[in-house]
Amino acid sequence: MYGLVSVLIILACVFLILIVLVQNSKGGGLASNFASSNQVMGVRKTADFLEKATWTLAGILLALSILASAVIPRASEEESRSKIEEQLERTVDPGRMPDFPTTVPQQPQNAGDEAGEEE
C-alpha cells in the first residue's frame, strides 16, 4: 500500500511541475498561444483551467502525503531496536572475562641439573 501511495505522490509531483511550467505569471505561457477568437477555449478559459489544475494537484499531493504517513510500514518492537543496542547487549563485560596468563612460565634450568646430581 505504501509503495502505491509513493508512486501516486511522484506522479502528482510530476504533473504539478508540468502544469506550473506551462503557466506564465505575466499572462503568457500556454494561454498566449490560444489568442485567436475562433477557439472553443479562449485565453481566459485556459488560464482558469491551469489555475484549477494547479490547486487540484496541490490538494491531491497534500492528501496523498497525509495518507502516506498513515500507511507507512512500521517495524515491530523487536525489529525497532537499533544495531548499536543489539551489539551492546552481545558484548561481554570485561570484568567477567577470565585472566589468562600472557607468558608461559619456564622451568628453571638448574632444576634438571639438581635432579641429575642427586642420583
C-alpha atoms as a PDB file:
ATOM      1  CA  MET A   1       0.000   0.000   0.000  1.00  0.00           C
ATOM      2  CA  TYR A   2       2.822   2.369   0.891  1.00  0.00           C
ATOM      3  CA  GLY A   3       4.510   1.717  -2.473  1.00  0.00           C
ATOM      4  CA  LEU A   4       1.314   2.562  -4.346  1.00  0.00           C
ATOM      5  CA  VAL A   5       0.868   5.800  -2.421  1.00  0.00           C
ATOM      6  CA  SER A   6       4.502   6.700  -3.078  1.00  0.00           C
ATOM      7  CA  VAL A   7       4.071   6.186  -6.815  1.00  0.00           C
ATOM      8  CA  LEU A   8       0.920   8.320  -6.785  1.00  0.00           C
ATOM      9  CA  ILE A   9       2.793  11.083  -4.943  1.00  0.00           C
ATOM     10  CA  ILE A  10       5.554  11.026  -7.545  1.00  0.00           C
ATOM     11  CA  LEU A  11       3.014  11.188 -10.390  1.00  0.00           C
ATOM     12  CA  ALA A  12       1.197  14.098  -8.742  1.00  0.00           C
ATOM     13  CA  CYS A  13       4.519  15.912  -8.332  1.00  0.00           C
ATOM     14  CA  VAL A  14       5.446  15.419 -11.985  1.00  0.00           C
ATOM     15  CA  PHE A  15       2.037  16.655 -13.175  1.00  0.00           C
ATOM     16  CA  LEU A  16       2.216  19.629 -10.824  1.00  0.00           C
ATOM     17  CA  ILE A  17       5.661  20.551 -12.135  1.00  0.00           C
ATOM     18  CA  LEU A  18       4.426  20.344 -15.723  1.00  0.00           C
ATOM     19  CA  ILE A  19       1.330  22.452 -15.016  1.00  0.00           C
ATOM     20  CA  VAL A  20       3.374  25.124 -13.239  1.00  0.00           C
ATOM     21  CA  LEU A  21       5.941  25.232 -16.038  1.00  0.00           C
ATOM     22  CA  VAL A  22       3.204  25.715 -18.639  1.00  0.00           C
ATOM     23  CA  GLN A  23       1.864  28.748 -16.778  1.00  0.00           C
ATOM     24  CA  ASN A  24       3.370  32.193 -17.090  1.00  0.00           C
ATOM     25  CA  SER A  25       2.674  34.745 -14.396  1.00  0.00           C
ATOM     26  CA  LYS A  26       2.882  37.619 -16.934  1.00  0.00           C
ATOM     27  CA  GLY A  27      -0.101  36.323 -18.901  1.00  0.00           C
ATOM     28  CA  GLY A  28       1.938  34.395 -21.477  1.00  0.00           C
ATOM     29  CA  GLY A  29       2.745  30.723 -21.451  1.00  0.00           C
ATOM     30  CA  LEU A  30       0.317  28.233 -22.920  1.00  0.00           C
ATOM     31  CA  ALA A  31      -2.570  30.649 -22.548  1.00  0.00           C
ATOM     32  CA  SER A  32      -0.999  33.143 -25.010  1.00  0.00           C
ATOM     33  CA  ASN A  33      -0.959  30.535 -27.793  1.00  0.00           C
ATOM     34  CA  PHE A  34      -4.766  30.400 -27.840  1.00  0.00           C
ATOM     35  CA  ALA A  35      -5.341  34.067 -28.616  1.00  0.00           C
ATOM     36  CA  SER A  36      -7.469  33.613 -31.729  1.00  0.00           C
ATOM     37  CA  SER A  37     -11.158  34.352 -31.344  1.00  0.00           C
ATOM     38  CA  ASN A  38     -12.424  31.180 -33.014  1.00  0.00           C
ATOM     39  CA  GLN A  39     -11.021  28.867 -30.354  1.00  0.00           C
ATOM     40  CA  VAL A  40     -13.503  26.966 -28.206  1.00  0.00           C
ATOM     41  CA  MET A  41     -11.456  27.597 -25.110  1.00  0.00           C
ATOM     42  CA  GLY A  42     -10.218  31.153 -25.010  1.00  0.00           C
ATOM     43  CA  VAL A  43      -7.259  32.613 -23.177  1.00  0.00           C
ATOM     44  CA  ARG A  44      -9.225  33.150 -20.009  1.00  0.00           C
ATOM     45  CA  LYS A  45     -10.588  29.585 -20.023  1.00  0.00           C
ATOM     46  CA  THR A  46      -7.095  28.134 -20.426  1.00  0.00           C
ATOM     47  CA  ALA A  47      -5.742  30.244 -17.570  1.00  0.00           C
ATOM     48  CA  ASP A  48      -8.682  29.192 -15.383  1.00  0.00           C
ATOM     49  CA  PHE A  49      -8.094  25.533 -16.235  1.00  0.00           C
ATOM     50  CA  LEU A  50      -4.395  25.761 -15.407  1.00  0.00           C
ATOM     51  CA  GLU A  51      -5.109  27.510 -12.119  1.00  0.00           C
ATOM     52  CA  LYS A  52      -7.739  24.946 -11.123  1.00  0.00           C
ATOM     53  CA  ALA A  53      -5.424  22.104 -12.144  1.00  0.00           C
ATOM     54  CA  THR A  54      -2.641  23.580 -10.009  1.00  0.00           C
ATOM     55  CA  TRP A  55      -4.838  23.857  -6.930  1.00  0.00           C
ATOM     56  CA  THR A  56      -6.323  20.395  -7.501  1.00  0.00           C
ATOM     57  CA  LEU A  57      -2.917  18.754  -7.850  1.00  0.00           C
ATOM     58  CA  ALA A  58      -1.644  20.607  -4.767  1.00  0.00           C
ATOM     59  CA  GLY A  59      -4.628  19.295  -2.785  1.00  0.00           C
ATOM     60  CA  ILE A  60      -4.101  15.771  -4.096  1.00  0.00           C
ATOM     61  CA  LEU A  61      -0.424  15.964  -3.132  1.00  0.00           C
ATOM     62  CA  LEU A  62      -1.339  17.103   0.377  1.00  0.00           C
ATOM     63  CA  ALA A  63      -3.935  14.339   0.794  1.00  0.00           C
ATOM     64  CA  LEU A  64      -1.554  11.670  -0.514  1.00  0.00           C
ATOM     65  CA  SER A  65       1.192  12.859   1.842  1.00  0.00           C
ATOM     66  CA  ILE A  66      -1.129  12.530   4.824  1.00  0.00           C
ATOM     67  CA  LEU A  67      -2.259   9.112   3.592  1.00  0.00           C
ATOM     68  CA  ALA A  68       1.369   8.012   3.175  1.00  0.00           C
ATOM     69  CA  SER A  69       2.139   8.932   6.761  1.00  0.00           C
ATOM     70  CA  ALA A  70      -0.837   6.853   7.890  1.00  0.00           C
ATOM     71  CA  VAL A  71       0.114   3.719   5.926  1.00  0.00           C
ATOM     72  CA  ILE A  72       3.879   3.865   6.409  1.00  0.00           C
ATOM     73  CA  PRO A  73       5.191   0.409   7.357  1.00  0.00           C
ATOM     74  CA  ARG A  74       6.085   0.246  10.999  1.00  0.00           C
ATOM     75  CA  ALA A  75       8.556  -2.250  12.426  1.00  0.00           C
ATOM     76  CA  SER A  76       7.605  -4.474  15.310  1.00  0.00           C
ATOM     77  CA  GLU A  77       9.060  -3.845  18.754  1.00  0.00           C
ATOM     78  CA  GLU A  78      11.841  -6.394  18.280  1.00  0.00           C
ATOM     79  CA  GLU A  79      12.872  -5.019  14.902  1.00  0.00           C
ATOM     80  CA  SER A  80      12.784  -1.407  16.017  1.00  0.00           C
ATOM     81  CA  ARG A  81      15.893  -1.769  18.157  1.00  0.00           C
ATOM     82  CA  SER A  82      18.997  -0.298  16.675  1.00  0.00           C
ATOM     83  CA  LYS A  83      22.007  -2.352  15.721  1.00  0.00           C
ATOM     84  CA  ILE A  84      24.102  -0.488  18.270  1.00  0.00           C
ATOM     85  CA  GLU A  85      21.775  -1.587  21.082  1.00  0.00           C
ATOM     86  CA  GLU A  86      21.966  -5.193  19.906  1.00  0.00           C
ATOM     87  CA  GLN A  87      25.746  -5.035  19.713  1.00  0.00           C
ATOM     88  CA  LEU A  88      25.973  -3.579  23.216  1.00  0.00           C
ATOM     89  CA  GLU A  89      23.900  -6.433  24.606  1.00  0.00           C
ATOM     90  CA  ARG A  90      26.083  -9.029  22.886  1.00  0.00           C
ATOM     91  CA  THR A  91      29.367  -7.653  24.203  1.00  0.00           C
ATOM     92  CA  VAL A  92      30.999  -9.402  27.120  1.00  0.00           C
ATOM     93  CA  ASP A  93      31.643  -7.438  30.276  1.00  0.00           C
ATOM     94  CA  PRO A  94      35.442  -7.036  30.597  1.00  0.00           C
ATOM     95  CA  GLY A  95      35.210  -7.546  34.373  1.00  0.00           C
ATOM     96  CA  ARG A  96      33.749 -11.030  33.882  1.00  0.00           C
ATOM     97  CA  MET A  97      36.385 -12.265  31.454  1.00  0.00           C
ATOM     98  CA  PRO A  98      38.933 -14.680  32.949  1.00  0.00           C
ATOM     99  CA  ASP A  99      42.542 -13.573  33.209  1.00  0.00           C
ATOM    100  CA  PHE A 100      44.737 -15.757  31.078  1.00  0.00           C
ATOM    101  CA  PRO A 101      48.491 -15.690  31.548  1.00  0.00           C
ATOM    102  CA  THR A 102      50.228 -13.869  28.769  1.00  0.00           C
ATOM    103  CA  THR A 103      53.505 -15.771  29.080  1.00  0.00           C
ATOM    104  CA  VAL A 104      54.265 -19.424  29.741  1.00  0.00           C
ATOM    105  CA  PRO A 105      56.344 -19.903  32.898  1.00  0.00           C
ATOM    106  CA  GLN A 106      59.653 -21.537  32.100  1.00  0.00           C
ATOM    107  CA  GLN A 107      61.163 -24.370  34.079  1.00  0.00           C
ATOM    108  CA  PRO A 108      64.324 -23.381  35.893  1.00  0.00           C
ATOM    109  CA  GLN A 109      67.327 -24.876  34.155  1.00  0.00           C
ATOM    110  CA  ASN A 110      69.059 -25.732  37.372  1.00  0.00           C
ATOM    111  CA  ALA A 111      66.113 -27.977  38.398  1.00  0.00           C
ATOM    112  CA  GLY A 112      67.175 -30.593  35.873  1.00  0.00           C
ATOM    113  CA  ASP A 113      70.782 -30.295  36.948  1.00  0.00           C
ATOM    114  CA  GLU A 114      69.896 -30.814  40.580  1.00  0.00           C
ATOM    115  CA  ALA A 115      67.854 -33.906  39.780  1.00  0.00           C
ATOM    116  CA  GLY A 116      70.794 -35.421  37.892  1.00  0.00           C
ATOM    117  CA  GLU A 117      73.212 -34.740  40.726  1.00  0.00           C
ATOM    118  CA  GLU A 118      71.079 -36.483  43.325  1.00  0.00           C
ATOM    119  CA  GLU A 119      71.280 -39.848  41.578  1.00  0.00           C
END
